[in-house]
Amino acid sequence: MTANKFYQGKSVAAVEWWLHDCDLPALNWARLRVFADGTADACWAEGTKLFGFDSREYAGNFLAEDEYIRFANWDGEDERDYGVRAADVRVPEWTDRPGQIFEYLGTY
């Protein structure tokens, strides 16, 4: 599936930010977007390859396999373990660029 076909008519319903567990306390982000039709995409860094999935679950599995953890689940134990207070963290703002490389994975 091409990027044009995957993204055609889609609107973003939710954005999740994930952190690479192995790099903490350094904040290396991944982004997961869920679209109104239930599909999702994931990206490890701004401007890098986008991966398309049939659902949020598959996109989350993809990130979790590479040891990313969902920032929304960050709690007091994580703050103590990594020495990073969630209140002090600002999630990035990424812009996709035209022609960005895309790979459709579907299920994962």
PDB file of N, CA and C in Angstrom:
ATOM      1  N   MET A   1       0.841  -1.170   0.000  1.00  0.00           N
ATOM      2  CA  MET A   1       0.000   0.000   0.000  1.00  0.00           C
ATOM      3  C   MET A   1       0.893   1.242   0.000  1.00  0.00           C
ATOM      4  N   THR A   2       0.536   2.223  -0.783  1.00  0.00           N
ATOM      5  CA  THR A   2       1.310   3.463  -0.862  1.00  0.00           C
ATOM      6  C   THR A   2       0.901   4.417   0.254  1.00  0.00           C
ATOM      7  N   ALA A   3       1.750   5.384   0.510  1.00  0.00           N
ATOM      8  CA  ALA A   3       1.430   6.413   1.498  1.00  0.00           C
ATOM      9  C   ALA A   3       0.182   7.180   1.084  1.00  0.00           C
ATOM     10  N   ASN A   4       0.081   7.536  -0.196  1.00  0.00           N
ATOM     11  CA  ASN A   4      -1.088   8.291  -0.647  1.00  0.00           C
ATOM     12  C   ASN A   4      -2.376   7.542  -0.360  1.00  0.00           C
ATOM     13  N   LYS A   5      -2.390   6.251  -0.651  1.00  0.00           N
ATOM     14  CA  LYS A   5      -3.592   5.460  -0.408  1.00  0.00           C
ATOM     15  C   LYS A   5      -3.860   5.320   1.088  1.00  0.00           C
ATOM     16  N   PHE A   6      -2.816   5.078   1.883  1.00  0.00           N
ATOM     17  CA  PHE A   6      -2.992   4.902   3.323  1.00  0.00           C
ATOM     18  C   PHE A   6      -3.560   6.168   3.976  1.00  0.00           C
ATOM     19  N   TYR A   7      -3.021   7.322   3.637  1.00  0.00           N
ATOM     20  CA  TYR A   7      -3.405   8.571   4.308  1.00  0.00           C
ATOM     21  C   TYR A   7      -4.622   9.266   3.681  1.00  0.00           C
ATOM     22  N   GLN A   8      -5.074   8.784   2.555  1.00  0.00           N
ATOM     23  CA  GLN A   8      -6.176   9.443   1.848  1.00  0.00           C
ATOM     24  C   GLN A   8      -7.411   9.563   2.745  1.00  0.00           C
ATOM     25  N   GLY A   9      -7.866  10.805   2.922  1.00  0.00           N
ATOM     26  CA  GLY A   9      -9.076  11.095   3.675  1.00  0.00           C
ATOM     27  C   GLY A   9      -8.986  10.897   5.175  1.00  0.00           C
ATOM     28  N   LYS A  10      -7.815  10.662   5.708  1.00  0.00           N
ATOM     29  CA  LYS A  10      -7.673  10.402   7.140  1.00  0.00           C
ATOM     30  C   LYS A  10      -7.564  11.699   7.947  1.00  0.00           C
ATOM     31  N   SER A  11      -8.077  11.639   9.150  1.00  0.00           N
ATOM     32  CA  SER A  11      -7.874  12.726  10.105  1.00  0.00           C
ATOM     33  C   SER A  11      -7.348  12.106  11.394  1.00  0.00           C
ATOM     34  N   VAL A  12      -6.451  12.823  12.057  1.00  0.00           N
ATOM     35  CA  VAL A  12      -5.827  12.334  13.284  1.00  0.00           C
ATOM     36  C   VAL A  12      -6.833  12.439  14.430  1.00  0.00           C
ATOM     37  N   ALA A  13      -7.052  11.322  15.114  1.00  0.00           N
ATOM     38  CA  ALA A  13      -7.950  11.294  16.261  1.00  0.00           C
ATOM     39  C   ALA A  13      -7.186  11.413  17.579  1.00  0.00           C
ATOM     40  N   ALA A  14      -5.947  10.902  17.606  1.00  0.00           N
ATOM     41  CA  ALA A  14      -5.141  10.940  18.828  1.00  0.00           C
ATOM     42  C   ALA A  14      -3.663  10.811  18.476  1.00  0.00           C
ATOM     43  N   VAL A  15      -2.835  11.412  19.324  1.00  0.00           N
ATOM     44  CA  VAL A  15      -1.380  11.305  19.185  1.00  0.00           C
ATOM     45  C   VAL A  15      -0.833  10.817  20.511  1.00  0.00           C
ATOM     46  N   GLU A  16       0.000   9.792  20.445  1.00  0.00           N
ATOM     47  CA  GLU A  16       0.667   9.259  21.632  1.00  0.00           C
ATOM     48  C   GLU A  16       2.164   9.452  21.468  1.00  0.00           C
ATOM     49  N   TRP A  17       2.823   9.736  22.576  1.00  0.00           N
ATOM     50  CA  TRP A  17       4.279   9.861  22.575  1.00  0.00           C
ATOM     51  C   TRP A  17       4.860   8.735  23.407  1.00  0.00           C
ATOM     52  N   TRP A  18       5.903   8.138  22.886  1.00  0.00           N
ATOM     53  CA  TRP A  18       6.567   7.008  23.520  1.00  0.00           C
ATOM     54  C   TRP A  18       8.044   7.353  23.700  1.00  0.00           C
ATOM     55  N   LEU A  19       8.659   6.797  24.769  1.00  0.00           N
ATOM     56  CA  LEU A  19      10.079   7.016  25.055  1.00  0.00           C
ATOM     57  C   LEU A  19      10.851   5.702  24.946  1.00  0.00           C
ATOM     58  N   HIS A  20      12.080   5.818  24.436  1.00  0.00           N
ATOM     59  CA  HIS A  20      12.924   4.634  24.319  1.00  0.00           C
ATOM     60  C   HIS A  20      13.476   4.310  25.699  1.00  0.00           C
ATOM     61  N   ASP A  21      13.011   3.212  26.245  1.00  0.00           N
ATOM     62  CA  ASP A  21      13.340   2.797  27.602  1.00  0.00           C
ATOM     63  C   ASP A  21      14.839   2.656  27.822  1.00  0.00           C
ATOM     64  N   CYS A  22      15.538   2.129  26.850  1.00  0.00           N
ATOM     65  CA  CYS A  22      16.978   1.867  26.994  1.00  0.00           C
ATOM     66  C   CYS A  22      17.812   3.136  27.104  1.00  0.00           C
ATOM     67  N   ASP A  23      17.287   4.239  26.602  1.00  0.00           N
ATOM     68  CA  ASP A  23      18.056   5.486  26.575  1.00  0.00           C
ATOM     69  C   ASP A  23      17.776   6.403  27.761  1.00  0.00           C
ATOM     70  N   LEU A  24      16.773   6.081  28.556  1.00  0.00           N
ATOM     71  CA  LEU A  24      16.419   6.962  29.677  1.00  0.00           C
ATOM     72  C   LEU A  24      17.578   7.065  30.644  1.00  0.00           C
ATOM     73  N   PRO A  25      17.874   8.243  31.186  1.00  0.00           N
ATOM     74  CA  PRO A  25      17.025   9.423  31.228  1.00  0.00           C
ATOM     75  C   PRO A  25      17.073  10.323  29.981  1.00  0.00           C
ATOM     76  N   ALA A  26      17.867   9.976  28.979  1.00  0.00           N
ATOM     77  CA  ALA A  26      17.807  10.739  27.726  1.00  0.00           C
ATOM     78  C   ALA A  26      16.431  10.495  27.103  1.00  0.00           C
ATOM     79  N   LEU A  27      15.842  11.546  26.564  1.00  0.00           N
ATOM     80  CA  LEU A  27      14.490  11.457  26.024  1.00  0.00           C
ATOM     81  C   LEU A  27      14.531  11.277  24.511  1.00  0.00           C
ATOM     82  N   ASN A  28      14.493  10.040  24.078  1.00  0.00           N
ATOM     83  CA  ASN A  28      14.429   9.711  22.654  1.00  0.00           C
ATOM     84  C   ASN A  28      13.020   9.231  22.350  1.00  0.00           C
ATOM     85  N   TRP A  29      12.322  10.038  21.543  1.00  0.00           N
ATOM     86  CA  TRP A  29      10.889   9.887  21.341  1.00  0.00           C
ATOM     87  C   TRP A  29      10.527   9.049  20.127  1.00  0.00           C
ATOM     88  N   ALA A  30       9.319   8.497  20.193  1.00  0.00           N
ATOM     89  CA  ALA A  30       8.621   7.918  19.044  1.00  0.00           C
ATOM     90  C   ALA A  30       7.198   8.467  19.107  1.00  0.00           C
ATOM     91  N   ARG A  31       6.593   8.588  17.944  1.00  0.00           N
ATOM     92  CA  ARG A  31       5.218   9.098  17.875  1.00  0.00           C
ATOM     93  C   ARG A  31       4.315   8.025  17.289  1.00  0.00           C
ATOM     94  N   LEU A  32       3.156   7.877  17.883  1.00  0.00           N
ATOM     95  CA  LEU A  32       2.123   6.992  17.364  1.00  0.00           C
ATOM     96  C   LEU A  32       0.874   7.837  17.155  1.00  0.00           C
ATOM     97  N   ARG A  33       0.344   7.822  15.931  1.00  0.00           N
ATOM     98  CA  ARG A  33      -0.899   8.551  15.660  1.00  0.00           C
ATOM     99  C   ARG A  33      -1.996   7.550  15.352  1.00  0.00           C
ATOM    100  N   VAL A  34      -3.169   7.809  15.912  1.00  0.00           N
ATOM    101  CA  VAL A  34      -4.351   7.017  15.626  1.00  0.00           C
ATOM    102  C   VAL A  34      -5.272   7.888  14.787  1.00  0.00           C
ATOM    103  N   PHE A  35      -5.784   7.325  13.705  1.00  0.00           N
ATOM    104  CA  PHE A  35      -6.664   8.063  12.807  1.00  0.00           C
ATOM    105  C   PHE A  35      -8.120   7.725  13.098  1.00  0.00           C
ATOM    106  N   ALA A  36      -9.011   8.593  12.668  1.00  0.00           N
ATOM    107  CA  ALA A  36     -10.438   8.450  12.945  1.00  0.00           C
ATOM    108  C   ALA A  36     -11.003   7.117  12.451  1.00  0.00           C
ATOM    109  N   ASP A  37     -10.405   6.529  11.431  1.00  0.00           N
ATOM    110  CA  ASP A  37     -10.889   5.249  10.904  1.00  0.00           C
ATOM    111  C   ASP A  37     -10.311   4.046  11.654  1.00  0.00           C
ATOM    112  N   GLY A  38      -9.514   4.285  12.719  1.00  0.00           N
ATOM    113  CA  GLY A  38      -8.951   3.213  13.531  1.00  0.00           C
ATOM    114  C   GLY A  38      -7.571   2.763  13.118  1.00  0.00           C
ATOM    115  N   THR A  39      -7.091   3.177  11.946  1.00  0.00           N
ATOM    116  CA  THR A  39      -5.731   2.841  11.544  1.00  0.00           C
ATOM    117  C   THR A  39      -4.753   3.711  12.330  1.00  0.00           C
ATOM    118  N   ALA A  40      -3.468   3.416  12.197  1.00  0.00           N
ATOM    119  CA  ALA A  40      -2.461   4.157  12.964  1.00  0.00           C
ATOM    120  C   ALA A  40      -1.152   4.185  12.198  1.00  0.00           C
ATOM    121  N   ASP A  41      -0.290   5.122  12.586  1.00  0.00           N
ATOM    122  CA  ASP A  41       1.079   5.108  12.084  1.00  0.00           C
ATOM    123  C   ASP A  41       2.035   5.360  13.227  1.00  0.00           C
ATOM    124  N   ALA A  42       3.296   5.022  13.012  1.00  0.00           N
ATOM    125  CA  ALA A  42       4.331   5.212  14.020  1.00  0.00           C
ATOM    126  C   ALA A  42       5.602   5.688  13.335  1.00  0.00           C
ATOM    127  N   CYS A  43       6.393   6.444  14.101  1.00  0.00           N
ATOM    128  CA  CYS A  43       7.632   7.000  13.580  1.00  0.00           C
ATOM    129  C   CYS A  43       8.597   7.150  14.750  1.00  0.00           C
ATOM    130  N   TRP A  44       9.867   6.775  14.537  1.00  0.00           N
ATOM    131  CA  TRP A  44      10.849   6.845  15.620  1.00  0.00           C
ATOM    132  C   TRP A  44      11.473   8.221  15.809  1.00  0.00           C
ATOM    133  N   ALA A  45      11.495   9.025  14.816  1.00  0.00           N
ATOM    134  CA  ALA A  45      12.097  10.357  14.949  1.00  0.00           C
ATOM    135  C   ALA A  45      11.492  11.251  13.878  1.00  0.00           C
ATOM    136  N   GLU A  46      11.451  12.522  14.158  1.00  0.00           N
ATOM    137  CA  GLU A  46      10.870  13.457  13.200  1.00  0.00           C
ATOM    138  C   GLU A  46      11.560  13.343  11.847  1.00  0.00           C
ATOM    139  N   GLY A  47      10.742  13.223  10.816  1.00  0.00           N
ATOM    140  CA  GLY A  47      11.261  13.198   9.461  1.00  0.00           C
ATOM    141  C   GLY A  47      11.753  11.857   8.976  1.00  0.00           C
ATOM    142  N   THR A  48      11.756  10.851   9.859  1.00  0.00           N
ATOM    143  CA  THR A  48      12.210   9.532   9.423  1.00  0.00           C
ATOM    144  C   THR A  48      11.031   8.713   8.909  1.00  0.00           C
ATOM    145  N   LYS A  49      11.299   7.508   8.564  1.00  0.00           N
ATOM    146  CA  LYS A  49      10.310   6.616   7.955  1.00  0.00           C
ATOM    147  C   LYS A  49       9.050   6.493   8.810  1.00  0.00           C
ATOM    148  N   LEU A  50       7.907   6.572   8.131  1.00  0.00           N
ATOM    149  CA  LEU A  50       6.606   6.346   8.756  1.00  0.00           C
ATOM    150  C   LEU A  50       6.172   4.913   8.473  1.00  0.00           C
ATOM    151  N   PHE A  51       5.587   4.267   9.462  1.00  0.00           N
ATOM    152  CA  PHE A  51       5.090   2.911   9.316  1.00  0.00           C
ATOM    153  C   PHE A  51       3.580   2.919   9.536  1.00  0.00           C
ATOM    154  N   GLY A  52       2.834   2.350   8.602  1.00  0.00           N
ATOM    155  CA  GLY A  52       1.381   2.316   8.688  1.00  0.00           C
ATOM    156  C   GLY A  52       0.872   0.979   9.196  1.00  0.00           C
ATOM    157  N   PHE A  53      -0.196   1.023   9.990  1.00  0.00           N
ATOM    158  CA  PHE A  53      -0.760  -0.171  10.619  1.00  0.00           C
ATOM    159  C   PHE A  53      -2.281  -0.166  10.534  1.00  0.00           C
ATOM    160  N   ASP A  54      -2.850  -1.358  10.661  1.00  0.00           N
ATOM    161  CA  ASP A  54      -4.298  -1.500  10.626  1.00  0.00           C
ATOM    162  C   ASP A  54      -4.972  -0.996  11.898  1.00  0.00           C
ATOM    163  N   SER A  55      -4.207  -0.868  12.995  1.00  0.00           N
ATOM    164  CA  SER A  55      -4.805  -0.422  14.258  1.00  0.00           C
ATOM    165  C   SER A  55      -3.750   0.176  15.186  1.00  0.00           C
ATOM    166  N   ARG A  56      -4.223   0.821  16.226  1.00  0.00           N
ATOM    167  CA  ARG A  56      -3.356   1.379  17.267  1.00  0.00           C
ATOM    168  C   ARG A  56      -2.607   0.245  17.961  1.00  0.00           C
ATOM    169  N   GLU A  57      -3.303  -0.868  18.187  1.00  0.00           N
ATOM    170  CA  GLU A  57      -2.684  -2.010  18.850  1.00  0.00           C
ATOM    171  C   GLU A  57      -1.435  -2.481  18.104  1.00  0.00           C
ATOM    172  N   TYR A  58      -1.520  -2.620  16.796  1.00  0.00           N
ATOM    173  CA  TYR A  58      -0.377  -3.086  16.020  1.00  0.00           C
ATOM    174  C   TYR A  58       0.762  -2.060  16.040  1.00  0.00           C
ATOM    175  N   ALA A  59       0.426  -0.793  15.953  1.00  0.00           N
ATOM    176  CA  ALA A  59       1.458   0.244  16.018  1.00  0.00           C
ATOM    177  C   ALA A  59       2.139   0.231  17.390  1.00  0.00           C
ATOM    178  N   GLY A  60       1.356   0.057  18.451  1.00  0.00           N
ATOM    179  CA  GLY A  60       1.920  -0.031  19.801  1.00  0.00           C
ATOM    180  C   GLY A  60       2.813  -1.251  19.965  1.00  0.00           C
ATOM    181  N   ASN A  61       2.394  -2.392  19.395  1.00  0.00           N
ATOM    182  CA  ASN A  61       3.232  -3.599  19.449  1.00  0.00           C
ATOM    183  C   ASN A  61       4.579  -3.358  18.776  1.00  0.00           C
ATOM    184  N   PHE A  62       4.534  -2.660  17.653  1.00  0.00           N
ATOM    185  CA  PHE A  62       5.737  -2.341  16.879  1.00  0.00           C
ATOM    186  C   PHE A  62       6.713  -1.525  17.724  1.00  0.00           C
ATOM    187  N   LEU A  63       6.210  -0.496  18.402  1.00  0.00           N
ATOM    188  CA  LEU A  63       7.081   0.345  19.228  1.00  0.00           C
ATOM    189  C   LEU A  63       7.567  -0.404  20.467  1.00  0.00           C
ATOM    190  N   ALA A  64       6.673  -1.147  21.097  1.00  0.00           N
ATOM    191  CA  ALA A  64       7.036  -1.868  22.313  1.00  0.00           C
ATOM    192  C   ALA A  64       8.120  -2.922  22.037  1.00  0.00           C
ATOM    193  N   GLU A  65       8.071  -3.531  20.878  1.00  0.00           N
ATOM    194  CA  GLU A  65       9.095  -4.530  20.548  1.00  0.00           C
ATOM    195  C   GLU A  65      10.490  -3.914  20.522  1.00  0.00           C
ATOM    196  N   ASP A  66      10.564  -2.642  20.168  1.00  0.00           N
ATOM    197  CA  ASP A  66      11.856  -1.949  20.159  1.00  0.00           C
ATOM    198  C   ASP A  66      12.102  -1.200  21.462  1.00  0.00           C
ATOM    199  N   GLU A  67      11.417  -1.631  22.516  1.00  0.00           N
ATOM    200  CA  GLU A  67      11.621  -1.146  23.880  1.00  0.00           C
ATOM    201  C   GLU A  67      11.248   0.317  24.076  1.00  0.00           C
ATOM    202  N   TYR A  68      10.183   0.727  23.424  1.00  0.00           N
ATOM    203  CA  TYR A  68       9.591   2.035  23.691  1.00  0.00           C
ATOM    204  C   TYR A  68       8.460   1.850  24.682  1.00  0.00           C
ATOM    205  N   ILE A  69       8.306   2.824  25.571  1.00  0.00           N
ATOM    206  CA  ILE A  69       7.225   2.801  26.550  1.00  0.00           C
ATOM    207  C   ILE A  69       6.363   4.045  26.361  1.00  0.00           C
ATOM    208  N   ARG A  70       5.084   3.883  26.602  1.00  0.00           N
ATOM    209  CA  ARG A  70       4.118   4.964  26.380  1.00  0.00           C
ATOM    210  C   ARG A  70       4.272   6.028  27.475  1.00  0.00           C
ATOM    211  N   PHE A  71       4.535   7.262  27.085  1.00  0.00           N
ATOM    212  CA  PHE A  71       4.755   8.331  28.053  1.00  0.00           C
ATOM    213  C   PHE A  71       3.503   8.601  28.887  1.00  0.00           C
ATOM    214  N   ALA A  72       2.325   8.415  28.335  1.00  0.00           N
ATOM    215  CA  ALA A  72       1.082   8.651  29.074  1.00  0.00           C
ATOM    216  C   ALA A  72       0.970   7.721  30.285  1.00  0.00           C
ATOM    217  N   ASN A  73       1.692   6.619  30.285  1.00  0.00           N
ATOM    218  CA  ASN A  73       1.672   5.679  31.415  1.00  0.00           C
ATOM    219  C   ASN A  73       2.740   5.978  32.456  1.00  0.00           C
ATOM    220  N   TRP A  74       3.519   7.024  32.237  1.00  0.00           N
ATOM    221  CA  TRP A  74       4.606   7.409  33.140  1.00  0.00           C
ATOM    222  C   TRP A  74       4.031   7.657  34.524  1.00  0.00           C
ATOM    223  N   ASP A  75       4.667   7.106  35.543  1.00  0.00           N
ATOM    224  CA  ASP A  75       4.164   7.281  36.914  1.00  0.00           C
ATOM    225  C   ASP A  75       5.307   7.620  37.873  1.00  0.00           C
ATOM    226  N   GLY A  76       4.976   7.704  39.130  1.00  0.00           N
ATOM    227  CA  GLY A  76       5.966   8.054  40.145  1.00  0.00           C
ATOM    228  C   GLY A  76       7.131   7.092  40.201  1.00  0.00           C
ATOM    229  N   GLU A  77       6.873   5.815  39.981  1.00  0.00           N
ATOM    230  CA  GLU A  77       7.956   4.837  39.977  1.00  0.00           C
ATOM    231  C   GLU A  77       8.931   5.108  38.828  1.00  0.00           C
ATOM    232  N   ASP A  78       8.387   5.437  37.656  1.00  0.00           N
ATOM    233  CA  ASP A  78       9.255   5.789  36.525  1.00  0.00           C
ATOM    234  C   ASP A  78      10.075   7.031  36.847  1.00  0.00           C
ATOM    235  N   GLU A  79       9.447   8.007  37.469  1.00  0.00           N
ATOM    236  CA  GLU A  79      10.173   9.237  37.832  1.00  0.00           C
ATOM    237  C   GLU A  79      11.342   8.919  38.749  1.00  0.00           C
ATOM    238  N   ARG A  80      11.130   8.069  39.731  1.00  0.00           N
ATOM    239  CA  ARG A  80      12.213   7.682  40.648  1.00  0.00           C
ATOM    240  C   ARG A  80      13.279   6.860  39.934  1.00  0.00           C
ATOM    241  N   ASP A  81      12.841   5.906  39.116  1.00  0.00           N
ATOM    242  CA  ASP A  81      13.789   5.021  38.437  1.00  0.00           C
ATOM    243  C   ASP A  81      14.702   5.772  37.475  1.00  0.00           C
ATOM    244  N   TYR A  82      14.151   6.752  36.777  1.00  0.00           N
ATOM    245  CA  TYR A  82      14.902   7.426  35.718  1.00  0.00           C
ATOM    246  C   TYR A  82      15.352   8.840  36.079  1.00  0.00           C
ATOM    247  N   GLY A  83      14.882   9.354  37.208  1.00  0.00           N
ATOM    248  CA  GLY A  83      15.278  10.695  37.618  1.00  0.00           C
ATOM    249  C   GLY A  83      14.718  11.783  36.717  1.00  0.00           C
ATOM    250  N   VAL A  84      13.577  11.525  36.117  1.00  0.00           N
ATOM    251  CA  VAL A  84      12.940  12.485  35.221  1.00  0.00           C
ATOM    252  C   VAL A  84      11.507  12.696  35.699  1.00  0.00           C
ATOM    253  N   ARG A  85      11.170  13.930  36.028  1.00  0.00           N
ATOM    254  CA  ARG A  85       9.800  14.245  36.448  1.00  0.00           C
ATOM    255  C   ARG A  85       8.926  14.489  35.228  1.00  0.00           C
ATOM    256  N   ALA A  86       7.795  13.798  35.169  1.00  0.00           N
ATOM    257  CA  ALA A  86       6.874  13.933  34.039  1.00  0.00           C
ATOM    258  C   ALA A  86       6.437  15.388  33.858  1.00  0.00           C
ATOM    259  N   ALA A  87       6.263  16.101  34.941  1.00  0.00           N
ATOM    260  CA  ALA A  87       5.815  17.496  34.867  1.00  0.00           C
ATOM    261  C   ALA A  87       6.843  18.394  34.186  1.00  0.00           C
ATOM    262  N   ASP A  88       8.101  17.986  34.181  1.00  0.00           N
ATOM    263  CA  ASP A  88       9.156  18.783  33.562  1.00  0.00           C
ATOM    264  C   ASP A  88       9.378  18.440  32.083  1.00  0.00           C
ATOM    265  N   VAL A  89       8.717  17.401  31.610  1.00  0.00           N
ATOM    266  CA  VAL A  89       8.923  16.921  30.243  1.00  0.00           C
ATOM    267  C   VAL A  89       7.936  17.587  29.295  1.00  0.00           C
ATOM    268  N   ARG A  90       8.445  18.053  28.185  1.00  0.00           N
ATOM    269  CA  ARG A  90       7.596  18.599  27.112  1.00  0.00           C
ATOM    270  C   ARG A  90       7.722  17.683  25.907  1.00  0.00           C
ATOM    271  N   VAL A  91       6.571  17.166  25.484  1.00  0.00           N
ATOM    272  CA  VAL A  91       6.615  16.287  24.314  1.00  0.00           C
ATOM    273  C   VAL A  91       6.946  17.118  23.079  1.00  0.00           C
ATOM    274  N   PRO A  92       7.580  16.502  22.109  1.00  0.00           N
ATOM    275  CA  PRO A  92       7.960  17.247  20.901  1.00  0.00           C
ATOM    276  C   PRO A  92       6.752  17.561  20.018  1.00  0.00           C
ATOM    277  N   GLU A  93       6.973  18.410  19.069  1.00  0.00           N
ATOM    278  CA  GLU A  93       5.990  18.692  18.020  1.00  0.00           C
ATOM    279  C   GLU A  93       6.670  18.366  16.707  1.00  0.00           C
ATOM    280  N   TRP A  94       6.192  17.334  16.038  1.00  0.00           N
ATOM    281  CA  TRP A  94       6.804  16.900  14.795  1.00  0.00           C
ATOM    282  C   TRP A  94       5.934  17.268  13.616  1.00  0.00           C
ATOM    283  N   THR A  95       6.590  17.614  12.541  1.00  0.00           N
ATOM    284  CA  THR A  95       5.909  17.894  11.284  1.00  0.00           C
ATOM    285  C   THR A  95       6.369  16.873  10.253  1.00  0.00           C
ATOM    286  N   ASP A  96       5.414  16.234   9.616  1.00  0.00           N
ATOM    287  CA  ASP A  96       5.765  15.315   8.544  1.00  0.00           C
ATOM    288  C   ASP A  96       6.071  16.127   7.300  1.00  0.00           C
ATOM    289  N   ARG A  97       6.979  15.629   6.500  1.00  0.00           N
ATOM    290  CA  ARG A  97       7.356  16.357   5.284  1.00  0.00           C
ATOM    291  C   ARG A  97       6.819  15.628   4.055  1.00  0.00           C
ATOM    292  N   PRO A  98       6.549  16.349   3.007  1.00  0.00           N
ATOM    293  CA  PRO A  98       6.101  15.701   1.772  1.00  0.00           C
ATOM    294  C   PRO A  98       7.157  14.703   1.286  1.00  0.00           C
ATOM    295  N   GLY A  99       6.692  13.580   0.819  1.00  0.00           N
ATOM    296  CA  GLY A  99       7.622  12.583   0.299  1.00  0.00           C
ATOM    297  C   GLY A  99       8.333  11.767   1.352  1.00  0.00           C
ATOM    298  N   GLN A 100       7.940  11.919   2.616  1.00  0.00           N
ATOM    299  CA  GLN A 100       8.580  11.151   3.680  1.00  0.00           C
ATOM    300  C   GLN A 100       8.403   9.657   3.389  1.00  0.00           C
ATOM    301  N   ILE A 101       9.424   8.892   3.620  1.00  0.00           N
ATOM    302  CA  ILE A 101       9.397   7.458   3.336  1.00  0.00           C
ATOM    303  C   ILE A 101       8.308   6.797   4.180  1.00  0.00           C
ATOM    304  N   PHE A 102       7.572   5.889   3.561  1.00  0.00           N
ATOM    305  CA  PHE A 102       6.452   5.213   4.209  1.00  0.00           C
ATOM    306  C   PHE A 102       6.518   3.720   3.906  1.00  0.00           C
ATOM    307  N   GLU A 103       6.214   2.925   4.924  1.00  0.00           N
ATOM    308  CA  GLU A 103       6.087   1.478   4.729  1.00  0.00           C
ATOM    309  C   GLU A 103       4.835   0.998   5.439  1.00  0.00           C
ATOM    310  N   TYR A 104       3.996   0.319   4.708  1.00  0.00           N
ATOM    311  CA  TYR A 104       2.783  -0.231   5.289  1.00  0.00           C
ATOM    312  C   TYR A 104       3.084  -1.619   5.829  1.00  0.00           C
ATOM    313  N   LEU A 105       2.851  -1.811   7.133  1.00  0.00           N
ATOM    314  CA  LEU A 105       3.081  -3.109   7.749  1.00  0.00           C
ATOM    315  C   LEU A 105       1.765  -3.822   8.044  1.00  0.00           C
ATOM    316  N   GLY A 106       0.682  -3.081   8.146  1.00  0.00           N
ATOM    317  CA  GLY A 106      -0.634  -3.673   8.391  1.00  0.00           C
ATOM    318  C   GLY A 106      -0.791  -4.207   9.792  1.00  0.00           C
ATOM    319  N   THR A 107      -0.471  -5.487   9.996  1.00  0.00           N
ATOM    320  CA  THR A 107      -0.565  -6.089  11.320  1.00  0.00           C
ATOM    321  C   THR A 107       0.841  -6.320  11.866  1.00  0.00           C
ATOM    322  N   TYR A 108       0.928  -6.336  13.189  1.00  0.00           N
ATOM    323  CA  TYR A 108       2.249  -6.529  13.789  1.00  0.00           C
ATOM    324  C   TYR A 108       2.056  -7.174  15.154  1.00  0.00           C
TER     325      TYR A 108
END
